[in-house]
Amino acid sequence: MNISKGLNPRFPLLLVDDEDSWLQSFKATLRSQGIDNVVLLNDGTKVMETLASQMFCAVAVDLMMPGISGEELIPQIVEEYPEVPVLVISGINEIKSVVNCIRKGAFDFIVKTEDRNTLIAGVRHAIEIFELRQENSSLKQRFFKSGPDKPELFSEIITAHKDMISIFKYIEAIAETARPVLITGESGVGKELVARAVHDASGRKGNFVAVNVAGLDDNIFSDTLFGHKKGAFTGAAESRLGLIEKAKNGTLFLDEIGDLAPTSQTKLLRLLQEHEFMPLGSDMAKRSSARVITATHQSITKMQDQGKFRKDLFFRLRGHMLQIPPLRERIEDLPLLISHFVNEVQTDTGMDVNVDVHDIAAFLNNYSFPGNVRELQHLIHDASSICGQSELKQKHFRKLMEIPGDSFSGESLHDSGESVSFGARLPTLNEMRTKLIDEALRRTNGNQSSAAQLIGVTRQAVSKYLKKNG
C-alpha cells in the first residue's frame, strides 16, 4: 500500500536528533515529498514529555544522543504509546544494535547514510502502520454501537437496513485517512451519495468534485483531470485548471471507473502512485492533495481476467472497499423510500399526494428493481403524475411497470415466466430492439450504462443506437 505518499498525515511526525543540521535537512526532504506535518526535537530527554503533550503518528529517534540514547527510549515509548511506531536512526549500520532495537520494540532501523528514498520509505511505512492501527481500533469501538456517531452525515441516504448502517460506521472509521476508496454496486444504488458521505465525514476543507469517466477518450480524460496550459493544443486559447486542482485538499470522485480506457488507466495509476500530475502542454509536475474515490457497477475482477483493467491500478484504488447492496436485498427500506419520494414529489410540484405507503410497499415487495433506488424514485414521480390529485394506488404503478408482453402483478419478474405476445403482424428484429432499448432508457431516465445493464448489452451498443436514431 502507498497510504501517505505525497499526503500529510493527520497527526505530526516527531523527529529526534541532537544534530540540528540533520533535522532541518531531513525535514526539507520530507516536505519535498508532501509530508510537512513534522515536529523537530534536538533533546532526547524531552521525548516522553513531548509525546504526552499531543498525538504523533510516528517517532524517529537517533540511536546515539547525549543524555539518553534512542535504544533506551524504545521500551519507554512502546509501553506508554503502543500504537505509535518507533523508528531508530543511526549514522552507522551495526547488526548488534539493529537486533537489540528490534527486540525492544522498534518498528524499523534506518541508517542515515542510506539513500534518502529509503529513509522516506521507512517514514511512510511507519505512518501507514499507524493509520491502520487507528482504523482497526476505531472499527472495534464503532461496531459495538448500534449506529454511526454522526447520523446527520448520512441523512441523504434513506435507509434503516443493518447492512447500510454497518457501511456508515465503517465510513466514519476510515473517513479521515488519505487512502483511496472504491465503491461498488449496481446502477442506481446511490454510489455518489455514499462518496459524498465519505467526503463529509472526512472533514476535508476542499471541495467534492465528481466526474463520470464513462465514454471519455484519453485526451478528454487528461484535459478534464489535469487541465492544460495556454497553447497546449489547437483551440487552447487560455489555461484551464483540471478537476484535480479544483479538488485541492478535498475529494475527487471518478464514477464508472470500469469504463476507463487503458491509456487513461496508466495515467491514473501514476497519479495514485506519485501524487503528481502534469497539465497538458506543461513540463512541470504539480502535486495533488485530493483524495480519490472511485465507483463502478462492473465486476473489476472479471475485467482483470479479461485484460480490460490493470491489476496494479485495482490494488491502488481499493485502499478501502464499500459494496453497496441492491434495493432487492434491503426491501425493508421500501416504506421509508416511498415516503421520502412522495414528499419529494409534493415539494417539487406542490401536489398533495395521498398514498397508503404500506400498501404500495407490499405491492412492490417482490419486484426485483433492476434500476434500484433510482428506478423507485422515477416510479414514484411518474405514478404521481398519472394519478394527479387522486389517491396513489397500485394501478398507477402497473401502467408504468407493464410493457407489451409484461405480466407484472406484484410478483417477481424473474420468477413469473415472462412471455411476449404479438399482434397480427410480427415486428421485425430491428423494431423489437428499438422498443427494448427505448423502454430500458425510459426506465433508467436516459442513463446509457444502466439501460445497457438492464437489457444485457454493452453501453457502446446503446450509444450507437442513439446516434443512429438521432
Protein backbone atom coordinates (compact mmCIF):
# COMPACT_ATOMS: atom_id res chain seq x y z
CA MET A 1 0.00 0.00 0.00
CA ASN A 2 1.02 3.59 -0.52
CA ILE A 3 -1.06 5.44 2.00
CA SER A 4 0.69 8.66 2.79
CA LYS A 5 2.93 9.32 -0.19
CA GLY A 6 2.60 12.96 -1.09
CA LEU A 7 -0.07 13.50 1.55
CA ASN A 8 0.26 14.92 5.04
CA PRO A 9 -0.51 12.53 7.89
CA ARG A 10 -3.34 13.65 10.15
CA PHE A 11 -1.02 13.70 13.20
CA PRO A 12 2.58 15.03 13.10
CA LEU A 13 5.75 13.01 12.84
CA LEU A 14 8.29 13.54 15.65
CA LEU A 15 11.98 13.67 14.56
CA VAL A 16 14.51 13.47 17.40
CA ASP A 17 18.25 14.08 16.89
CA ASP A 18 20.91 16.20 18.61
CA GLU A 19 22.20 17.35 15.18
CA ASP A 20 20.08 20.36 14.16
CA SER A 21 21.53 20.39 10.64
CA TRP A 22 20.40 16.82 10.01
CA LEU A 23 16.93 17.53 11.43
CA GLN A 24 16.47 20.52 9.11
CA SER A 25 17.80 18.59 6.11
CA PHE A 26 15.54 15.59 6.65
CA LYS A 27 12.54 17.85 7.29
CA ALA A 28 13.18 19.58 3.94
CA THR A 29 13.38 16.18 2.22
CA LEU A 30 10.06 15.09 3.72
CA ARG A 31 8.45 18.39 2.73
CA SER A 32 9.56 17.86 -0.87
CA GLN A 33 7.54 14.64 -0.79
CA GLY A 34 4.44 16.39 0.57
CA ILE A 35 4.94 15.42 4.24
CA ASP A 36 5.30 18.70 6.12
CA ASN A 37 3.43 17.86 9.31
CA VAL A 38 6.69 17.37 11.23
CA VAL A 39 7.87 18.36 14.73
CA LEU A 40 11.64 18.62 15.41
CA LEU A 41 13.27 17.90 18.79
CA ASN A 42 17.03 18.13 19.48
CA ASP A 43 16.91 16.90 23.10
CA GLY A 44 16.24 13.20 23.68
CA THR A 45 15.45 13.74 27.36
CA LYS A 46 12.28 15.66 26.38
CA VAL A 47 10.80 12.93 24.15
CA MET A 48 8.35 11.49 26.70
CA GLU A 49 7.26 14.99 27.75
CA THR A 50 6.64 15.92 24.10
CA LEU A 51 4.70 12.72 23.39
CA ALA A 52 2.47 13.45 26.38
CA SER A 53 1.60 16.89 25.00
CA GLN A 54 -0.08 15.70 21.76
CA MET A 55 -0.70 12.75 19.45
CA PHE A 56 2.01 11.75 16.96
CA CYS A 57 1.78 9.31 14.05
CA ALA A 58 5.37 8.04 14.48
CA VAL A 59 8.63 8.82 16.24
CA ALA A 60 12.06 8.71 14.60
CA VAL A 61 14.89 8.85 17.21
CA ASP A 62 18.66 8.97 16.78
CA LEU A 63 20.44 5.94 18.21
CA MET A 64 23.23 7.87 19.94
CA MET A 65 22.33 11.10 21.76
CA PRO A 66 23.65 12.85 24.88
CA GLY A 67 21.53 12.33 27.97
CA ILE A 68 19.59 9.31 26.69
CA SER A 69 20.02 7.01 23.70
CA GLY A 70 17.41 6.00 21.18
CA GLU A 71 17.82 2.41 22.33
CA GLU A 72 16.87 3.43 25.89
CA LEU A 73 13.85 5.38 24.68
CA ILE A 74 12.31 2.48 22.69
CA PRO A 75 10.83 0.46 25.64
CA GLN A 76 9.54 3.65 27.28
CA ILE A 77 7.71 4.80 24.13
CA VAL A 78 6.38 1.31 23.30
CA GLU A 79 4.99 0.86 26.81
CA GLU A 80 3.35 4.29 27.05
CA TYR A 81 2.25 4.67 23.41
CA PRO A 82 1.99 1.19 21.84
CA GLU A 83 0.08 2.49 18.80
CA VAL A 84 2.93 4.83 17.76
CA PRO A 85 5.66 3.17 15.61
CA VAL A 86 9.26 3.93 16.64
CA LEU A 87 11.98 4.27 14.00
CA VAL A 88 15.61 4.25 15.12
CA ILE A 89 18.08 6.34 13.09
CA SER A 90 21.82 5.72 13.20
CA GLY A 91 24.91 7.03 11.46
CA ILE A 92 26.34 3.51 11.18
CA ASN A 93 24.90 0.12 10.34
CA GLU A 94 25.62 -2.13 13.33
CA ILE A 95 23.94 -5.52 13.25
CA LYS A 96 24.05 -5.87 17.04
CA SER A 97 22.34 -2.51 17.56
CA VAL A 98 19.71 -3.31 14.92
CA VAL A 99 18.86 -6.62 16.63
CA ASN A 100 18.69 -5.05 20.09
CA CYS A 101 16.43 -2.22 18.90
CA ILE A 102 14.03 -4.54 17.10
CA ARG A 103 13.86 -6.83 20.15
CA LYS A 104 12.94 -3.86 22.33
CA GLY A 105 10.04 -2.99 20.02
CA ALA A 106 11.43 -0.67 17.33
CA PHE A 107 9.39 -0.70 14.16
CA ASP A 108 12.37 -0.13 11.87
CA PHE A 109 16.08 0.74 11.87
CA ILE A 110 17.25 3.39 9.38
CA VAL A 111 20.85 4.27 8.51
CA LYS A 112 21.48 7.98 7.84
CA THR A 113 23.95 7.30 5.06
CA GLU A 114 21.40 5.33 3.04
CA ASP A 115 19.66 6.80 0.03
CA ARG A 116 17.07 9.42 1.03
CA ASN A 117 14.35 7.45 -0.77
CA THR A 118 15.00 4.59 1.67
CA LEU A 119 14.64 6.96 4.63
CA ILE A 120 11.40 8.37 3.25
CA ALA A 121 10.06 4.88 2.53
CA GLY A 122 10.67 3.94 6.16
CA VAL A 123 8.76 7.00 7.38
CA ARG A 124 5.87 6.33 5.01
CA HIS A 125 5.65 2.73 6.14
CA ALA A 126 5.51 3.82 9.79
CA ILE A 127 2.72 6.33 9.04
CA GLU A 128 0.85 3.64 7.13
CA ILE A 129 1.02 1.23 10.08
CA PHE A 130 -0.14 3.94 12.49
CA GLU A 131 -3.16 4.74 10.31
CA LEU A 132 -4.07 1.06 10.06
CA ARG A 133 -3.84 0.68 13.84
CA GLN A 134 -6.05 3.76 14.28
CA GLU A 135 -8.63 2.38 11.86
CA ASN A 136 -8.69 -1.05 13.49
CA SER A 137 -9.17 0.49 16.92
CA SER A 138 -11.91 2.77 15.61
CA LEU A 139 -13.70 -0.11 13.88
CA LYS A 140 -13.67 -2.22 17.04
CA GLN A 141 -15.22 0.62 19.03
CA ARG A 142 -17.81 1.56 16.41
CA PHE A 143 -19.14 -1.90 15.72
CA PHE A 144 -20.24 -2.29 19.31
CA LYS A 145 -22.52 0.71 18.77
CA SER A 146 -25.97 0.49 17.20
CA GLY A 147 -25.42 3.34 14.75
CA PRO A 148 -22.94 5.91 13.42
CA ASP A 149 -21.60 8.64 15.70
CA LYS A 150 -22.86 11.37 13.36
CA PRO A 151 -26.03 10.15 11.64
CA GLU A 152 -26.52 13.61 10.10
CA LEU A 153 -23.63 12.84 7.73
CA PHE A 154 -25.79 10.18 6.09
CA SER A 155 -29.13 11.98 6.05
CA GLU A 156 -29.24 11.95 2.23
CA ILE A 157 -29.19 8.14 2.20
CA ILE A 158 -32.65 6.87 3.18
CA THR A 159 -32.27 3.54 4.98
CA ALA A 160 -32.67 1.66 8.22
CA HIS A 161 -31.13 -1.60 6.95
CA LYS A 162 -28.43 -3.17 9.13
CA ASP A 163 -26.00 -3.62 6.22
CA MET A 164 -26.22 0.05 5.32
CA ILE A 165 -25.78 1.08 8.97
CA SER A 166 -22.64 -1.06 9.10
CA ILE A 167 -21.36 0.74 6.00
CA PHE A 168 -22.00 4.10 7.69
CA LYS A 169 -19.97 3.03 10.74
CA TYR A 170 -17.16 1.79 8.50
CA ILE A 171 -17.15 5.10 6.61
CA GLU A 172 -16.72 7.01 9.87
CA ALA A 173 -13.79 4.77 10.79
CA ILE A 174 -11.89 5.24 7.53
CA ALA A 175 -13.02 8.73 6.51
CA GLU A 176 -10.06 10.70 7.86
CA THR A 177 -7.34 8.63 6.19
CA ALA A 178 -5.89 9.55 2.80
CA ARG A 179 -6.26 6.16 1.14
CA PRO A 180 -8.44 5.83 -1.96
CA VAL A 181 -11.92 4.31 -1.66
CA LEU A 182 -13.53 2.02 -4.24
CA ILE A 183 -17.33 1.87 -4.16
CA THR A 184 -19.03 -1.00 -5.98
CA GLY A 185 -22.70 -1.75 -6.53
CA GLU A 186 -25.35 -1.94 -9.21
CA SER A 187 -26.51 1.14 -11.08
CA GLY A 188 -28.96 3.21 -9.08
CA VAL A 189 -27.92 2.13 -5.56
CA GLY A 190 -26.59 5.58 -4.67
CA LYS A 191 -22.82 5.26 -5.03
CA GLU A 192 -22.31 9.02 -5.46
CA LEU A 193 -24.32 9.72 -2.31
CA VAL A 194 -22.05 7.31 -0.45
CA ALA A 195 -18.96 9.03 -1.91
CA ARG A 196 -20.28 12.41 -0.73
CA ALA A 197 -20.85 10.92 2.73
CA VAL A 198 -17.20 9.75 2.83
CA HIS A 199 -16.10 13.28 1.92
CA ASP A 200 -18.37 14.92 4.51
CA ALA A 201 -17.17 12.52 7.22
CA SER A 202 -13.52 13.19 6.34
CA GLY A 203 -13.66 16.81 7.42
CA ARG A 204 -11.61 17.81 4.38
CA LYS A 205 -11.62 21.54 3.71
CA GLY A 206 -11.56 21.26 -0.08
CA ASN A 207 -14.45 20.61 -2.47
CA PHE A 208 -16.12 17.38 -3.51
CA VAL A 209 -15.59 17.23 -7.27
CA ALA A 210 -17.35 14.49 -9.28
CA VAL A 211 -16.93 13.35 -12.88
CA ASN A 212 -18.33 10.39 -14.83
CA VAL A 213 -15.42 8.98 -16.83
CA ALA A 214 -17.56 6.64 -18.98
CA GLY A 215 -17.12 7.46 -22.64
CA LEU A 216 -14.18 9.84 -22.15
CA ASP A 217 -11.34 9.19 -24.58
CA ASP A 218 -7.78 9.58 -23.29
CA ASN A 219 -7.32 13.18 -24.47
CA ILE A 220 -10.56 14.39 -22.90
CA PHE A 221 -9.83 12.42 -19.71
CA SER A 222 -6.37 14.00 -19.41
CA ASP A 223 -7.66 17.51 -20.09
CA THR A 224 -10.59 17.06 -17.68
CA LEU A 225 -8.44 15.82 -14.79
CA PHE A 226 -5.10 17.53 -15.35
CA GLY A 227 -6.11 20.73 -17.16
CA HIS A 228 -3.94 22.40 -19.79
CA LYS A 229 -1.61 25.32 -20.39
CA LYS A 230 -2.38 28.07 -22.88
CA GLY A 231 -1.41 26.92 -26.36
CA ALA A 232 -1.19 23.24 -25.36
CA PHE A 233 -3.26 22.31 -28.42
CA THR A 234 -5.27 23.95 -31.17
CA GLY A 235 -8.06 25.94 -29.57
CA ALA A 236 -6.41 26.18 -26.13
CA ALA A 237 -6.60 29.97 -26.03
CA GLU A 238 -6.43 30.10 -22.24
CA SER A 239 -5.01 27.92 -19.47
CA ARG A 240 -7.57 25.78 -17.65
CA LEU A 241 -7.42 24.11 -14.26
CA GLY A 242 -8.18 20.41 -14.16
CA LEU A 243 -10.53 18.76 -11.67
CA ILE A 244 -7.60 17.55 -9.56
CA GLU A 245 -6.68 21.13 -8.75
CA LYS A 246 -10.31 22.06 -8.19
CA ALA A 247 -10.46 19.23 -5.64
CA LYS A 248 -7.37 20.52 -3.78
CA ASN A 249 -7.48 19.34 -0.15
CA GLY A 250 -10.84 17.78 -0.96
CA THR A 251 -12.16 14.73 -2.78
CA LEU A 252 -12.08 13.74 -6.45
CA PHE A 253 -14.86 11.26 -7.29
CA LEU A 254 -14.48 9.25 -10.50
CA ASP A 255 -17.69 7.42 -11.39
CA GLU A 256 -17.89 4.44 -13.77
CA ILE A 257 -14.17 3.77 -13.39
CA GLY A 258 -14.64 0.39 -15.06
CA ASP A 259 -15.14 2.17 -18.40
CA LEU A 260 -11.76 3.94 -18.25
CA ALA A 261 -9.60 3.45 -21.35
CA PRO A 262 -6.29 1.50 -20.91
CA THR A 263 -4.10 4.56 -21.61
CA SER A 264 -6.07 6.62 -19.09
CA GLN A 265 -5.72 3.81 -16.55
CA THR A 266 -1.94 4.19 -16.78
CA LYS A 267 -2.16 7.94 -16.12
CA LEU A 268 -4.49 7.44 -13.16
CA LEU A 269 -2.10 4.83 -11.73
CA ARG A 270 0.77 7.33 -11.86
CA LEU A 271 -1.37 9.94 -10.11
CA LEU A 272 -2.14 7.50 -7.30
CA GLN A 273 1.46 6.29 -7.02
CA GLU A 274 3.26 9.61 -7.20
CA HIS A 275 0.50 12.08 -6.24
CA GLU A 276 1.82 14.13 -9.14
CA PHE A 277 0.36 15.15 -12.49
CA MET A 278 1.26 17.39 -15.41
CA PRO A 279 -1.25 19.66 -17.15
CA LEU A 280 -1.29 19.21 -20.92
CA GLY A 281 1.43 21.30 -22.52
CA SER A 282 3.38 21.68 -19.26
CA ASP A 283 6.77 20.20 -18.37
CA MET A 284 6.38 20.94 -14.65
CA ALA A 285 4.73 18.36 -12.40
CA LYS A 286 2.17 19.50 -9.84
CA ARG A 287 1.35 17.73 -6.59
CA SER A 288 -2.15 16.50 -5.80
CA SER A 289 -3.69 16.79 -2.34
CA ALA A 290 -7.08 15.38 -3.37
CA ARG A 291 -8.31 12.09 -2.04
CA VAL A 292 -9.53 9.82 -4.84
CA ILE A 293 -12.81 7.92 -4.57
CA THR A 294 -13.94 5.73 -7.47
CA ALA A 295 -17.10 3.80 -8.23
CA THR A 296 -18.27 1.16 -10.68
CA HIS A 297 -21.21 -1.14 -11.28
CA GLN A 298 -18.99 -3.59 -13.15
CA SER A 299 -17.01 -6.54 -11.80
CA ILE A 300 -13.42 -5.34 -11.76
CA THR A 301 -12.27 -8.91 -11.06
CA LYS A 302 -13.83 -10.14 -14.30
CA MET A 303 -12.39 -7.18 -16.20
CA GLN A 304 -8.93 -8.02 -14.88
CA ASP A 305 -9.31 -11.63 -16.05
CA GLN A 306 -10.31 -10.31 -19.48
CA GLY A 307 -7.31 -7.96 -19.59
CA LYS A 308 -9.54 -4.86 -19.60
CA PHE A 309 -8.46 -3.43 -16.25
CA ARG A 310 -4.97 -3.14 -14.79
CA LYS A 311 -4.42 -5.24 -11.69
CA ASP A 312 -1.92 -2.78 -10.21
CA LEU A 313 -4.45 0.05 -10.61
CA PHE A 314 -7.14 -2.03 -8.90
CA PHE A 315 -4.89 -2.60 -5.88
CA ARG A 316 -4.21 1.14 -5.68
CA LEU A 317 -7.90 2.02 -5.89
CA ARG A 318 -9.04 -0.44 -3.26
CA GLY A 319 -7.40 1.21 -0.26
CA HIS A 320 -10.88 0.73 1.19
CA MET A 321 -13.82 -1.02 -0.48
CA LEU A 322 -17.52 -0.37 0.00
CA GLN A 323 -20.02 -2.80 -1.54
CA ILE A 324 -23.47 -1.18 -1.61
CA PRO A 325 -26.29 -3.77 -1.55
CA PRO A 326 -29.03 -3.56 -4.21
CA LEU A 327 -32.55 -2.50 -3.23
CA ARG A 328 -33.91 -6.04 -3.58
CA GLU A 329 -31.59 -7.09 -0.71
CA ARG A 330 -32.86 -4.34 1.59
CA ILE A 331 -36.53 -4.41 0.64
CA GLU A 332 -37.37 -3.43 4.23
CA ASP A 333 -36.40 0.11 3.22
CA LEU A 334 -39.30 0.38 0.75
CA PRO A 335 -41.75 2.19 3.09
CA LEU A 336 -39.08 4.74 4.06
CA LEU A 337 -38.06 5.33 0.46
CA ILE A 338 -41.64 5.59 -0.83
CA SER A 339 -42.48 8.17 1.85
CA HIS A 340 -39.33 10.12 1.04
CA PHE A 341 -40.01 10.21 -2.70
CA VAL A 342 -43.68 11.11 -2.21
CA ASN A 343 -42.55 14.07 -0.07
CA GLU A 344 -40.08 14.92 -2.81
CA VAL A 345 -42.91 15.00 -5.37
CA GLN A 346 -45.01 17.23 -3.13
CA THR A 347 -42.09 19.63 -2.60
CA ASP A 348 -41.20 19.76 -6.30
CA THR A 349 -44.73 20.07 -7.70
CA GLY A 350 -46.87 21.40 -4.89
CA MET A 351 -49.22 18.43 -5.40
CA ASP A 352 -50.95 16.89 -2.39
CA VAL A 353 -50.28 13.18 -2.94
CA ASN A 354 -52.42 10.77 -0.91
CA VAL A 355 -50.91 7.31 -0.59
CA ASP A 356 -51.07 4.21 1.59
CA VAL A 357 -47.31 3.67 1.84
CA HIS A 358 -47.52 0.14 3.24
CA ASP A 359 -50.00 -0.95 0.56
CA ILE A 360 -47.68 0.25 -2.23
CA ALA A 361 -44.65 -1.28 -0.45
CA ALA A 362 -46.44 -4.64 -0.21
CA PHE A 363 -47.30 -4.44 -3.93
CA LEU A 364 -43.67 -3.72 -4.90
CA ASN A 365 -42.20 -6.13 -2.38
CA ASN A 366 -41.44 -8.90 -4.90
CA TYR A 367 -40.25 -6.67 -7.72
CA SER A 368 -36.54 -7.11 -8.49
CA PHE A 369 -35.80 -3.38 -9.06
CA PRO A 370 -33.08 -3.73 -11.72
CA GLY A 371 -32.64 0.05 -11.56
CA ASN A 372 -32.55 0.03 -7.75
CA VAL A 373 -33.35 3.18 -5.73
CA ARG A 374 -33.11 5.42 -8.79
CA GLU A 375 -35.79 3.31 -10.53
CA LEU A 376 -38.07 3.51 -7.48
CA GLN A 377 -37.65 7.29 -7.45
CA HIS A 378 -38.71 7.54 -11.10
CA LEU A 379 -41.64 5.18 -10.50
CA ILE A 380 -42.95 7.32 -7.63
CA HIS A 381 -42.61 10.54 -9.64
CA ASP A 382 -44.20 9.04 -12.77
CA ALA A 383 -47.03 7.33 -10.88
CA SER A 384 -47.78 10.58 -9.00
CA SER A 385 -48.05 12.40 -12.33
CA ILE A 386 -50.51 9.79 -13.60
CA CYS A 387 -52.74 9.84 -10.52
CA GLY A 388 -52.95 13.63 -10.38
CA GLN A 389 -54.94 14.74 -7.34
CA SER A 390 -56.45 11.29 -6.74
CA GLU A 391 -55.01 8.70 -4.36
CA LEU A 392 -51.80 6.99 -5.49
CA LYS A 393 -52.68 3.30 -5.91
CA GLN A 394 -51.27 0.05 -7.21
CA LYS A 395 -52.93 0.52 -10.62
CA HIS A 396 -50.84 3.60 -11.31
CA PHE A 397 -47.66 1.56 -10.90
CA ARG A 398 -48.95 -1.30 -13.07
CA LYS A 399 -49.29 1.06 -16.01
CA LEU A 400 -45.65 2.03 -15.69
CA MET A 401 -44.25 -1.40 -14.98
CA GLU A 402 -46.09 -3.27 -17.72
CA ILE A 403 -44.57 -3.10 -21.18
CA PRO A 404 -46.09 -5.12 -24.08
CA GLY A 405 -45.87 -8.74 -23.08
CA ASP A 406 -45.07 -8.00 -19.43
CA SER A 407 -47.25 -9.60 -16.79
CA PHE A 408 -46.08 -7.99 -13.55
CA SER A 409 -48.79 -8.02 -10.92
CA GLY A 410 -46.86 -7.83 -7.70
CA GLU A 411 -44.83 -10.98 -8.43
CA SER A 412 -41.15 -11.10 -9.24
CA LEU A 413 -40.45 -10.60 -12.93
CA HIS A 414 -37.57 -13.05 -12.65
CA ASP A 415 -39.85 -15.81 -11.39
CA SER A 416 -43.05 -15.12 -13.26
CA GLY A 417 -42.24 -16.93 -16.51
CA GLU A 418 -42.42 -13.78 -18.64
CA SER A 419 -43.85 -14.13 -22.12
CA VAL A 420 -44.23 -11.75 -25.04
CA SER A 421 -47.44 -11.55 -27.06
CA PHE A 422 -47.73 -10.21 -30.62
CA GLY A 423 -50.47 -8.80 -32.84
CA ALA A 424 -51.41 -9.98 -36.34
CA ARG A 425 -48.15 -8.66 -37.80
CA LEU A 426 -44.89 -9.85 -36.32
CA PRO A 427 -42.47 -7.00 -35.64
CA THR A 428 -39.02 -7.11 -37.20
CA LEU A 429 -35.95 -7.71 -35.03
CA ASN A 430 -34.94 -4.08 -35.53
CA GLU A 431 -38.37 -2.92 -34.32
CA MET A 432 -38.16 -5.15 -31.26
CA ARG A 433 -34.63 -3.94 -30.50
CA THR A 434 -35.77 -0.33 -30.79
CA LYS A 435 -38.69 -0.88 -28.40
CA LEU A 436 -36.47 -2.72 -25.92
CA ILE A 437 -33.76 -0.04 -25.85
CA ASP A 438 -36.36 2.75 -25.66
CA GLU A 439 -38.02 1.08 -22.68
CA ALA A 440 -34.69 0.47 -20.94
CA LEU A 441 -33.73 4.13 -21.40
CA ARG A 442 -37.14 5.25 -20.12
CA ARG A 443 -36.82 3.10 -17.01
CA THR A 444 -33.32 4.40 -16.27
CA ASN A 445 -34.10 8.03 -17.07
CA GLY A 446 -31.77 8.06 -20.05
CA ASN A 447 -28.73 6.58 -18.27
CA GLN A 448 -26.98 4.62 -21.03
CA SER A 449 -24.85 2.45 -18.74
CA SER A 450 -27.86 1.47 -16.61
CA ALA A 451 -30.02 0.81 -19.69
CA ALA A 452 -27.33 -1.40 -21.19
CA GLN A 453 -27.01 -3.39 -17.97
CA LEU A 454 -30.78 -3.75 -17.79
CA ILE A 455 -31.09 -5.48 -21.19
CA GLY A 456 -27.73 -7.25 -21.24
CA VAL A 457 -25.88 -5.32 -23.96
CA THR A 458 -22.82 -3.06 -23.95
CA ARG A 459 -23.09 0.66 -23.29
CA GLN A 460 -21.45 1.20 -26.68
CA ALA A 461 -24.36 -0.64 -28.36
CA VAL A 462 -26.87 1.71 -26.72
CA SER A 463 -24.76 4.75 -27.63
CA LYS A 464 -24.51 3.57 -31.25
CA TYR A 465 -28.30 3.10 -31.36
CA LEU A 466 -28.89 6.65 -30.07
CA LYS A 467 -26.51 8.19 -32.58
CA LYS A 468 -28.11 6.25 -35.41
CA ASN A 469 -31.60 7.34 -34.39
CA GLY A 470 -30.76 10.92 -33.50
